[in-house]
Amino acid sequence: MTLTDEKKVYLDVKDGVGTIYINRPEKRNALTYEMWVDLARLVDECNENSEIKVIVFRSTTDVAFSAGADIGEFKTIRYTAEGAAKYNDATMVLEEKIAKSPKPSIAMISGFCVGGGCEIAVACDFRFSDNSGRFGITPAKLGLIYNTPGTKNLVDLVGPAHAKDILFTGRIMEAEEAFQMGLINRIIDKTQLEAETYQFAKLICQNAQMAVRGSKTIINRVLEGDVKDSEKTAELVLESFESDDYREGVSAFLEKRKPNFTFS
């Protein structure tokens, strides 16, 4: 057994992509409190690593991206209001770190993507699934209420009517319906899911990262209600015109060659 086999979550870095693996196949990647905390730590590692331009979340099994929370913890850490608050804080910290990360993120999904697993996927910038994807957020079936940041992520993604459908019913839907709702971006043949996910990540890696991250910052500000440039976003725009990457991009365009961007 290798070290990564023993870890429930771990990070692998290759060709500019930081891949965060969820690795609890015997439990369909059911998420424990410690896994939420460790996932947040791995996102921090990705943000701090200049080699990483894109983050991919995936499973080590095609049975499930994650089937949701570990039900065993409903009788332990989540059995009291105090413990539940601690657990909920961990989930919200991870979701915010993913959504607010300057680096784009992709959830690569096979099998069950339910509850907490779906929350993680929704917090990502993109969601690619094969036909085996099964999606749902199920607090209504447990007598729980979904937190505000997670609900906002869902509403921003699919709109209020679809969000109500997902949360009020707690039903599990197949990939095609999730795609029609806008919950996922693409349905890809199972044999091509990995290749197309990483090809898409590579496209992002090849572009000017100042532009990519600046665009993500501004999109997030729009989702928070901004309709005009703030001092911060105006500064981002002006800084891009003074960057080495802007000069390289213009030169490459005029010289009809691929740009060699340096910002990381």
C-alpha atoms as a PDB file:
ATOM      1  CA  MET A   1       0.000   0.000   0.000  1.00  0.00           C
ATOM      2  CA  THR A   2       1.375   3.421  -0.950  1.00  0.00           C
ATOM      3  CA  LEU A   3       1.160   6.574   1.140  1.00  0.00           C
ATOM      4  CA  THR A   4      -1.524   8.005  -1.141  1.00  0.00           C
ATOM      5  CA  ASP A   5      -3.586   4.833  -0.694  1.00  0.00           C
ATOM      6  CA  GLU A   6      -3.686   5.564   3.044  1.00  0.00           C
ATOM      7  CA  LYS A   7      -4.735   9.201   2.704  1.00  0.00           C
ATOM      8  CA  LYS A   8      -8.410  10.042   2.370  1.00  0.00           C
ATOM      9  CA  VAL A   9      -7.535  13.169   0.388  1.00  0.00           C
ATOM     10  CA  TYR A  10      -4.271  14.081  -1.291  1.00  0.00           C
ATOM     11  CA  LEU A  11      -2.718  16.437  -3.846  1.00  0.00           C
ATOM     12  CA  ASP A  12      -0.790  15.622  -7.018  1.00  0.00           C
ATOM     13  CA  VAL A  13       0.864  18.343  -9.114  1.00  0.00           C
ATOM     14  CA  LYS A  14       1.677  17.876 -12.799  1.00  0.00           C
ATOM     15  CA  ASP A  15       1.957  20.185 -15.832  1.00  0.00           C
ATOM     16  CA  GLY A  16       0.518  23.214 -14.066  1.00  0.00           C
ATOM     17  CA  VAL A  17      -2.503  21.364 -12.658  1.00  0.00           C
ATOM     18  CA  GLY A  18      -3.019  20.569  -8.995  1.00  0.00           C
ATOM     19  CA  THR A  19      -5.265  17.522  -8.707  1.00  0.00           C
ATOM     20  CA  ILE A  20      -6.982  17.017  -5.370  1.00  0.00           C
ATOM     21  CA  TYR A  21      -8.090  13.408  -4.998  1.00  0.00           C
ATOM     22  CA  ILE A  22     -10.903  12.217  -2.734  1.00  0.00           C
ATOM     23  CA  ASN A  23      -9.830   8.732  -1.710  1.00  0.00           C
ATOM     24  CA  ARG A  24     -12.297   6.788   0.390  1.00  0.00           C
ATOM     25  CA  PRO A  25     -13.679   4.358  -2.193  1.00  0.00           C
ATOM     26  CA  GLU A  26     -14.940   1.809   0.316  1.00  0.00           C
ATOM     27  CA  LYS A  27     -17.400   4.451   1.603  1.00  0.00           C
ATOM     28  CA  ARG A  28     -18.188   6.050  -1.782  1.00  0.00           C
ATOM     29  CA  ASN A  29     -15.983   8.942  -0.653  1.00  0.00           C
ATOM     30  CA  ALA A  30     -18.259   9.833   2.277  1.00  0.00           C
ATOM     31  CA  LEU A  31     -16.823  13.008   3.784  1.00  0.00           C
ATOM     32  CA  THR A  32     -15.716  13.185   7.402  1.00  0.00           C
ATOM     33  CA  TYR A  33     -15.026  16.379   9.332  1.00  0.00           C
ATOM     34  CA  GLU A  34     -11.292  15.740   9.027  1.00  0.00           C
ATOM     35  CA  MET A  35     -11.625  15.355   5.252  1.00  0.00           C
ATOM     36  CA  TRP A  36     -13.329  18.758   4.959  1.00  0.00           C
ATOM     37  CA  VAL A  37     -10.495  20.316   6.964  1.00  0.00           C
ATOM     38  CA  ASP A  38      -7.826  18.535   4.928  1.00  0.00           C
ATOM     39  CA  LEU A  39      -9.446  19.516   1.634  1.00  0.00           C
ATOM     40  CA  ALA A  40      -9.366  23.176   2.707  1.00  0.00           C
ATOM     41  CA  ARG A  41      -5.679  22.808   3.575  1.00  0.00           C
ATOM     42  CA  LEU A  42      -4.975  21.328   0.125  1.00  0.00           C
ATOM     43  CA  VAL A  43      -6.722  24.254  -1.577  1.00  0.00           C
ATOM     44  CA  ASP A  44      -4.446  26.579   0.400  1.00  0.00           C
ATOM     45  CA  GLU A  45      -1.446  24.563  -0.808  1.00  0.00           C
ATOM     46  CA  CYS A  46      -2.636  24.962  -4.400  1.00  0.00           C
ATOM     47  CA  ASN A  47      -3.063  28.705  -3.968  1.00  0.00           C
ATOM     48  CA  GLU A  48       0.442  29.042  -2.535  1.00  0.00           C
ATOM     49  CA  ASN A  49       2.142  26.873  -5.166  1.00  0.00           C
ATOM     50  CA  SER A  50       3.240  29.021  -8.121  1.00  0.00           C
ATOM     51  CA  GLU A  51       3.497  25.920 -10.338  1.00  0.00           C
ATOM     52  CA  ILE A  52      -0.262  25.338 -10.081  1.00  0.00           C
ATOM     53  CA  LYS A  53      -2.521  27.285 -12.431  1.00  0.00           C
ATOM     54  CA  VAL A  54      -5.676  25.144 -12.325  1.00  0.00           C
ATOM     55  CA  ILE A  55      -7.155  22.941  -9.580  1.00  0.00           C
ATOM     56  CA  VAL A  56      -8.995  19.703 -10.431  1.00  0.00           C
ATOM     57  CA  PHE A  57     -11.116  17.837  -7.882  1.00  0.00           C
ATOM     58  CA  ARG A  58     -11.685  14.168  -8.631  1.00  0.00           C
ATOM     59  CA  SER A  59     -12.183  10.760  -7.078  1.00  0.00           C
ATOM     60  CA  THR A  60      -9.948   7.714  -7.015  1.00  0.00           C
ATOM     61  CA  THR A  61     -13.019   5.623  -7.920  1.00  0.00           C
ATOM     62  CA  ASP A  62     -15.560   5.957 -10.731  1.00  0.00           C
ATOM     63  CA  VAL A  63     -18.350   4.816  -8.387  1.00  0.00           C
ATOM     64  CA  ALA A  64     -18.627   8.213  -6.701  1.00  0.00           C
ATOM     65  CA  PHE A  65     -17.164  11.697  -6.753  1.00  0.00           C
ATOM     66  CA  SER A  66     -18.585  11.785  -3.227  1.00  0.00           C
ATOM     67  CA  ALA A  67     -21.843  10.359  -1.899  1.00  0.00           C
ATOM     68  CA  GLY A  68     -21.991  13.090   0.759  1.00  0.00           C
ATOM     69  CA  ALA A  69     -21.420  13.281   4.485  1.00  0.00           C
ATOM     70  CA  ASP A  70     -20.296  10.314   6.555  1.00  0.00           C
ATOM     71  CA  ILE A  71     -23.569   9.332   8.234  1.00  0.00           C
ATOM     72  CA  GLY A  72     -21.649   7.953  11.212  1.00  0.00           C
ATOM     73  CA  GLU A  73     -20.850  11.516  12.278  1.00  0.00           C
ATOM     74  CA  PHE A  74     -24.526  12.412  12.667  1.00  0.00           C
ATOM     75  CA  LYS A  75     -24.336  10.487  15.955  1.00  0.00           C
ATOM     76  CA  THR A  76     -20.967  11.942  16.989  1.00  0.00           C
ATOM     77  CA  ILE A  77     -19.661  15.379  16.008  1.00  0.00           C
ATOM     78  CA  ARG A  78     -22.939  16.486  14.390  1.00  0.00           C
ATOM     79  CA  TYR A  79     -25.241  15.244  17.160  1.00  0.00           C
ATOM     80  CA  THR A  80     -25.183  18.524  19.129  1.00  0.00           C
ATOM     81  CA  ALA A  81     -25.687  22.105  17.987  1.00  0.00           C
ATOM     82  CA  GLU A  82     -22.131  22.969  19.029  1.00  0.00           C
ATOM     83  CA  GLY A  83     -20.634  20.060  17.121  1.00  0.00           C
ATOM     84  CA  ALA A  84     -22.848  20.711  14.111  1.00  0.00           C
ATOM     85  CA  ALA A  85     -21.715  24.344  14.050  1.00  0.00           C
ATOM     86  CA  LYS A  86     -18.078  23.223  14.027  1.00  0.00           C
ATOM     87  CA  TYR A  87     -18.800  20.795  11.192  1.00  0.00           C
ATOM     88  CA  ASN A  88     -20.776  23.380   9.195  1.00  0.00           C
ATOM     89  CA  ASP A  89     -17.983  25.918   9.599  1.00  0.00           C
ATOM     90  CA  ALA A  90     -15.553  23.421   8.055  1.00  0.00           C
ATOM     91  CA  THR A  91     -17.816  22.894   5.038  1.00  0.00           C
ATOM     92  CA  MET A  92     -18.319  26.616   4.518  1.00  0.00           C
ATOM     93  CA  VAL A  93     -14.581  27.315   4.831  1.00  0.00           C
ATOM     94  CA  LEU A  94     -13.802  24.803   2.084  1.00  0.00           C
ATOM     95  CA  GLU A  95     -16.556  26.021  -0.235  1.00  0.00           C
ATOM     96  CA  GLU A  96     -15.428  29.632   0.180  1.00  0.00           C
ATOM     97  CA  LYS A  97     -11.786  28.748  -0.382  1.00  0.00           C
ATOM     98  CA  ILE A  98     -12.710  26.997  -3.652  1.00  0.00           C
ATOM     99  CA  ALA A  99     -15.045  29.746  -4.865  1.00  0.00           C
ATOM    100  CA  LYS A 100     -12.689  32.575  -3.871  1.00  0.00           C
ATOM    101  CA  SER A 101      -9.469  30.887  -4.957  1.00  0.00           C
ATOM    102  CA  PRO A 102      -7.718  33.009  -7.591  1.00  0.00           C
ATOM    103  CA  LYS A 103      -7.081  29.784  -9.504  1.00  0.00           C
ATOM    104  CA  PRO A 104      -9.831  28.206 -11.643  1.00  0.00           C
ATOM    105  CA  SER A 105     -11.206  24.872 -10.449  1.00  0.00           C
ATOM    106  CA  ILE A 106     -12.828  21.920 -12.187  1.00  0.00           C
ATOM    107  CA  ALA A 107     -14.810  19.066 -10.638  1.00  0.00           C
ATOM    108  CA  MET A 108     -14.349  15.865 -12.657  1.00  0.00           C
ATOM    109  CA  ILE A 109     -17.335  13.673 -11.808  1.00  0.00           C
ATOM    110  CA  SER A 110     -18.221  10.011 -12.166  1.00  0.00           C
ATOM    111  CA  GLY A 111     -20.958   8.295 -10.210  1.00  0.00           C
ATOM    112  CA  PHE A 112     -22.613   9.793  -7.148  1.00  0.00           C
ATOM    113  CA  CYS A 113     -22.126  13.507  -6.553  1.00  0.00           C
ATOM    114  CA  VAL A 114     -24.537  14.020  -3.693  1.00  0.00           C
ATOM    115  CA  GLY A 115     -24.850  16.192  -0.598  1.00  0.00           C
ATOM    116  CA  GLY A 116     -21.450  17.485   0.443  1.00  0.00           C
ATOM    117  CA  GLY A 117     -19.923  16.113  -2.729  1.00  0.00           C
ATOM    118  CA  CYS A 118     -22.306  18.190  -4.803  1.00  0.00           C
ATOM    119  CA  GLU A 119     -21.572  21.214  -2.607  1.00  0.00           C
ATOM    120  CA  ILE A 120     -17.873  20.903  -3.453  1.00  0.00           C
ATOM    121  CA  ALA A 121     -18.645  20.553  -7.159  1.00  0.00           C
ATOM    122  CA  VAL A 122     -20.973  23.578  -7.107  1.00  0.00           C
ATOM    123  CA  ALA A 123     -18.242  25.685  -5.495  1.00  0.00           C
ATOM    124  CA  CYS A 124     -15.911  24.892  -8.424  1.00  0.00           C
ATOM    125  CA  ASP A 125     -15.805  27.027 -11.550  1.00  0.00           C
ATOM    126  CA  PHE A 126     -16.583  24.081 -13.842  1.00  0.00           C
ATOM    127  CA  ARG A 127     -18.202  20.666 -13.525  1.00  0.00           C
ATOM    128  CA  PHE A 128     -17.527  17.924 -16.096  1.00  0.00           C
ATOM    129  CA  SER A 129     -19.340  14.598 -15.738  1.00  0.00           C
ATOM    130  CA  ASP A 130     -19.699  11.340 -17.579  1.00  0.00           C
ATOM    131  CA  ASN A 131     -23.093   9.681 -18.085  1.00  0.00           C
ATOM    132  CA  SER A 132     -22.851   7.861 -14.768  1.00  0.00           C
ATOM    133  CA  GLY A 133     -23.068  11.141 -12.821  1.00  0.00           C
ATOM    134  CA  ARG A 134     -25.869  11.272 -10.242  1.00  0.00           C
ATOM    135  CA  PHE A 135     -26.571  14.577  -8.539  1.00  0.00           C
ATOM    136  CA  GLY A 136     -28.512  15.798  -5.528  1.00  0.00           C
ATOM    137  CA  ILE A 137     -28.357  17.916  -2.379  1.00  0.00           C
ATOM    138  CA  THR A 138     -30.351  16.227   0.323  1.00  0.00           C
ATOM    139  CA  PRO A 139     -30.653  18.206   3.617  1.00  0.00           C
ATOM    140  CA  ALA A 140     -34.467  18.121   3.371  1.00  0.00           C
ATOM    141  CA  LYS A 141     -34.336  14.336   3.753  1.00  0.00           C
ATOM    142  CA  LEU A 142     -32.417  14.734   7.022  1.00  0.00           C
ATOM    143  CA  GLY A 143     -34.346  17.607   8.565  1.00  0.00           C
ATOM    144  CA  LEU A 144     -31.489  20.052   7.947  1.00  0.00           C
ATOM    145  CA  ILE A 145     -31.195  23.493   6.353  1.00  0.00           C
ATOM    146  CA  TYR A 146     -28.516  24.234   3.789  1.00  0.00           C
ATOM    147  CA  ASN A 147     -26.195  27.143   4.710  1.00  0.00           C
ATOM    148  CA  THR A 148     -26.460  30.563   3.035  1.00  0.00           C
ATOM    149  CA  PRO A 149     -23.084  30.587   1.193  1.00  0.00           C
ATOM    150  CA  GLY A 150     -23.746  27.144  -0.272  1.00  0.00           C
ATOM    151  CA  THR A 151     -27.298  28.113  -1.213  1.00  0.00           C
ATOM    152  CA  LYS A 152     -26.031  31.267  -2.908  1.00  0.00           C
ATOM    153  CA  ASN A 153     -23.506  29.246  -4.924  1.00  0.00           C
ATOM    154  CA  LEU A 154     -26.332  26.964  -6.054  1.00  0.00           C
ATOM    155  CA  VAL A 155     -28.733  29.817  -6.906  1.00  0.00           C
ATOM    156  CA  ASP A 156     -26.008  31.670  -8.814  1.00  0.00           C
ATOM    157  CA  LEU A 157     -25.396  28.502 -10.819  1.00  0.00           C
ATOM    158  CA  VAL A 158     -28.882  27.190 -11.638  1.00  0.00           C
ATOM    159  CA  GLY A 159     -31.266  30.016 -10.673  1.00  0.00           C
ATOM    160  CA  PRO A 160     -33.838  30.131  -7.844  1.00  0.00           C
ATOM    161  CA  ALA A 161     -36.451  27.814  -9.399  1.00  0.00           C
ATOM    162  CA  HIS A 162     -34.020  24.957 -10.031  1.00  0.00           C
ATOM    163  CA  ALA A 163     -32.362  25.547  -6.641  1.00  0.00           C
ATOM    164  CA  LYS A 164     -35.770  25.134  -4.975  1.00  0.00           C
ATOM    165  CA  ASP A 165     -36.351  21.925  -6.921  1.00  0.00           C
ATOM    166  CA  ILE A 166     -32.985  20.526  -5.837  1.00  0.00           C
ATOM    167  CA  LEU A 167     -33.294  21.541  -2.167  1.00  0.00           C
ATOM    168  CA  PHE A 168     -37.023  21.070  -1.561  1.00  0.00           C
ATOM    169  CA  THR A 169     -37.179  17.562  -3.048  1.00  0.00           C
ATOM    170  CA  GLY A 170     -33.705  16.244  -2.241  1.00  0.00           C
ATOM    171  CA  ARG A 171     -34.097  13.982  -5.275  1.00  0.00           C
ATOM    172  CA  ILE A 172     -31.241  12.416  -7.208  1.00  0.00           C
ATOM    173  CA  MET A 173     -31.047  13.349 -10.875  1.00  0.00           C
ATOM    174  CA  GLU A 174     -29.118  11.892 -13.776  1.00  0.00           C
ATOM    175  CA  ALA A 175     -26.399  13.737 -15.663  1.00  0.00           C
ATOM    176  CA  GLU A 176     -28.629  14.816 -18.563  1.00  0.00           C
ATOM    177  CA  GLU A 177     -31.132  16.576 -16.308  1.00  0.00           C
ATOM    178  CA  ALA A 178     -28.294  18.165 -14.313  1.00  0.00           C
ATOM    179  CA  PHE A 179     -26.857  19.453 -17.593  1.00  0.00           C
ATOM    180  CA  GLN A 180     -30.206  20.873 -18.699  1.00  0.00           C
ATOM    181  CA  MET A 181     -30.495  22.689 -15.356  1.00  0.00           C
ATOM    182  CA  GLY A 182     -27.023  24.158 -15.736  1.00  0.00           C
ATOM    183  CA  LEU A 183     -25.736  22.255 -12.719  1.00  0.00           C
ATOM    184  CA  ILE A 184     -22.947  20.739 -14.820  1.00  0.00           C
ATOM    185  CA  ASN A 185     -21.138  22.211 -17.820  1.00  0.00           C
ATOM    186  CA  ARG A 186     -20.473  19.139 -19.924  1.00  0.00           C
ATOM    187  CA  ILE A 187     -21.357  15.475 -20.238  1.00  0.00           C
ATOM    188  CA  ILE A 188     -18.390  13.578 -21.635  1.00  0.00           C
ATOM    189  CA  ASP A 189     -18.042   9.930 -22.619  1.00  0.00           C
ATOM    190  CA  LYS A 190     -16.608   7.954 -19.731  1.00  0.00           C
ATOM    191  CA  THR A 191     -13.579   6.896 -21.771  1.00  0.00           C
ATOM    192  CA  GLN A 192     -12.742  10.524 -22.560  1.00  0.00           C
ATOM    193  CA  LEU A 193     -13.642  12.283 -19.304  1.00  0.00           C
ATOM    194  CA  GLU A 194     -10.136  12.412 -17.869  1.00  0.00           C
ATOM    195  CA  ALA A 195      -8.475  13.411 -21.151  1.00  0.00           C
ATOM    196  CA  GLU A 196     -10.973  16.185 -21.942  1.00  0.00           C
ATOM    197  CA  THR A 197     -10.931  17.538 -18.397  1.00  0.00           C
ATOM    198  CA  TYR A 198      -7.163  17.902 -18.403  1.00  0.00           C
ATOM    199  CA  GLN A 199      -7.139  19.204 -21.970  1.00  0.00           C
ATOM    200  CA  PHE A 200      -9.513  21.963 -20.842  1.00  0.00           C
ATOM    201  CA  ALA A 201      -7.286  22.674 -17.837  1.00  0.00           C
ATOM    202  CA  LYS A 202      -4.293  22.900 -20.180  1.00  0.00           C
ATOM    203  CA  LEU A 203      -6.096  25.516 -22.304  1.00  0.00           C
ATOM    204  CA  ILE A 204      -6.436  27.682 -19.206  1.00  0.00           C
ATOM    205  CA  CYS A 205      -2.816  27.046 -18.198  1.00  0.00           C
ATOM    206  CA  GLN A 206      -1.606  28.306 -21.580  1.00  0.00           C
ATOM    207  CA  ASN A 207      -3.268  31.704 -21.168  1.00  0.00           C
ATOM    208  CA  ALA A 208      -2.088  34.757 -19.248  1.00  0.00           C
ATOM    209  CA  GLN A 209      -2.775  33.936 -15.619  1.00  0.00           C
ATOM    210  CA  MET A 210      -3.128  37.589 -14.640  1.00  0.00           C
ATOM    211  CA  ALA A 211      -6.031  37.804 -17.098  1.00  0.00           C
ATOM    212  CA  VAL A 212      -7.580  34.506 -15.946  1.00  0.00           C
ATOM    213  CA  ARG A 213      -7.414  35.365 -12.255  1.00  0.00           C
ATOM    214  CA  GLY A 214      -8.484  38.957 -12.808  1.00  0.00           C
ATOM    215  CA  SER A 215     -11.511  37.755 -14.741  1.00  0.00           C
ATOM    216  CA  LYS A 216     -12.441  35.340 -11.953  1.00  0.00           C
ATOM    217  CA  THR A 217     -12.152  38.134  -9.397  1.00  0.00           C
ATOM    218  CA  ILE A 218     -14.431  40.415 -11.401  1.00  0.00           C
ATOM    219  CA  ILE A 219     -16.982  37.658 -12.093  1.00  0.00           C
ATOM    220  CA  ASN A 220     -17.140  36.958  -8.353  1.00  0.00           C
ATOM    221  CA  ARG A 221     -17.666  40.669  -7.682  1.00  0.00           C
ATOM    222  CA  VAL A 222     -20.502  40.746 -10.234  1.00  0.00           C
ATOM    223  CA  LEU A 223     -22.135  37.804  -8.459  1.00  0.00           C
ATOM    224  CA  GLU A 224     -21.840  39.794  -5.225  1.00  0.00           C
ATOM    225  CA  GLY A 225     -23.790  42.654  -6.797  1.00  0.00           C
ATOM    226  CA  ASP A 226     -21.180  44.936  -8.389  1.00  0.00           C
ATOM    227  CA  VAL A 227     -22.271  46.595 -11.638  1.00  0.00           C
ATOM    228  CA  LYS A 228     -19.404  49.075 -11.897  1.00  0.00           C
ATOM    229  CA  ASP A 229     -15.664  48.858 -11.374  1.00  0.00           C
ATOM    230  CA  SER A 230     -14.593  49.235  -7.781  1.00  0.00           C
ATOM    231  CA  GLU A 231     -11.227  50.769  -6.977  1.00  0.00           C
ATOM    232  CA  LYS A 232      -9.802  47.243  -6.761  1.00  0.00           C
ATOM    233  CA  THR A 233     -11.188  45.977 -10.079  1.00  0.00           C
ATOM    234  CA  ALA A 234     -10.266  49.193 -11.897  1.00  0.00           C
ATOM    235  CA  GLU A 235      -6.728  48.750 -10.620  1.00  0.00           C
ATOM    236  CA  LEU A 236      -6.691  45.133 -11.862  1.00  0.00           C
ATOM    237  CA  VAL A 237      -7.667  46.256 -15.357  1.00  0.00           C
ATOM    238  CA  LEU A 238      -5.040  49.005 -15.501  1.00  0.00           C
ATOM    239  CA  GLU A 239      -2.319  46.743 -14.107  1.00  0.00           C
ATOM    240  CA  SER A 240      -2.937  44.264 -16.911  1.00  0.00           C
ATOM    241  CA  PHE A 241      -2.015  46.928 -19.494  1.00  0.00           C
ATOM    242  CA  GLU A 242       1.307  47.468 -17.734  1.00  0.00           C
ATOM    243  CA  SER A 243       2.177  43.789 -17.383  1.00  0.00           C
ATOM    244  CA  ASP A 244       4.882  41.825 -19.178  1.00  0.00           C
ATOM    245  CA  ASP A 245       2.216  39.335 -20.194  1.00  0.00           C
ATOM    246  CA  TYR A 246       0.233  42.026 -22.012  1.00  0.00           C
ATOM    247  CA  ARG A 247       3.316  43.044 -23.991  1.00  0.00           C
ATOM    248  CA  GLU A 248       4.096  39.407 -24.738  1.00  0.00           C
ATOM    249  CA  GLY A 249       0.498  38.718 -25.800  1.00  0.00           C
ATOM    250  CA  VAL A 250       0.472  41.667 -28.208  1.00  0.00           C
ATOM    251  CA  SER A 251       3.871  40.753 -29.644  1.00  0.00           C
ATOM    252  CA  ALA A 252       2.839  37.124 -30.142  1.00  0.00           C
ATOM    253  CA  PHE A 253      -0.386  38.166 -31.870  1.00  0.00           C
ATOM    254  CA  LEU A 254       1.423  40.513 -34.256  1.00  0.00           C
ATOM    255  CA  GLU A 255       4.154  37.953 -34.926  1.00  0.00           C
ATOM    256  CA  LYS A 256       1.587  35.157 -35.401  1.00  0.00           C
ATOM    257  CA  ARG A 257       3.132  32.860 -32.786  1.00  0.00           C
ATOM    258  CA  LYS A 258       2.096  31.335 -29.491  1.00  0.00           C
ATOM    259  CA  PRO A 259       2.691  33.627 -26.515  1.00  0.00           C
ATOM    260  CA  ASN A 260       5.109  32.673 -23.769  1.00  0.00           C
ATOM    261  CA  PHE A 261       3.440  34.075 -20.685  1.00  0.00           C
ATOM    262  CA  THR A 262       5.516  34.272 -17.521  1.00  0.00           C
ATOM    263  CA  PHE A 263       3.093  35.342 -14.761  1.00  0.00           C
ATOM    264  CA  SER A 264       2.348  32.594 -12.228  1.00  0.00           C
END
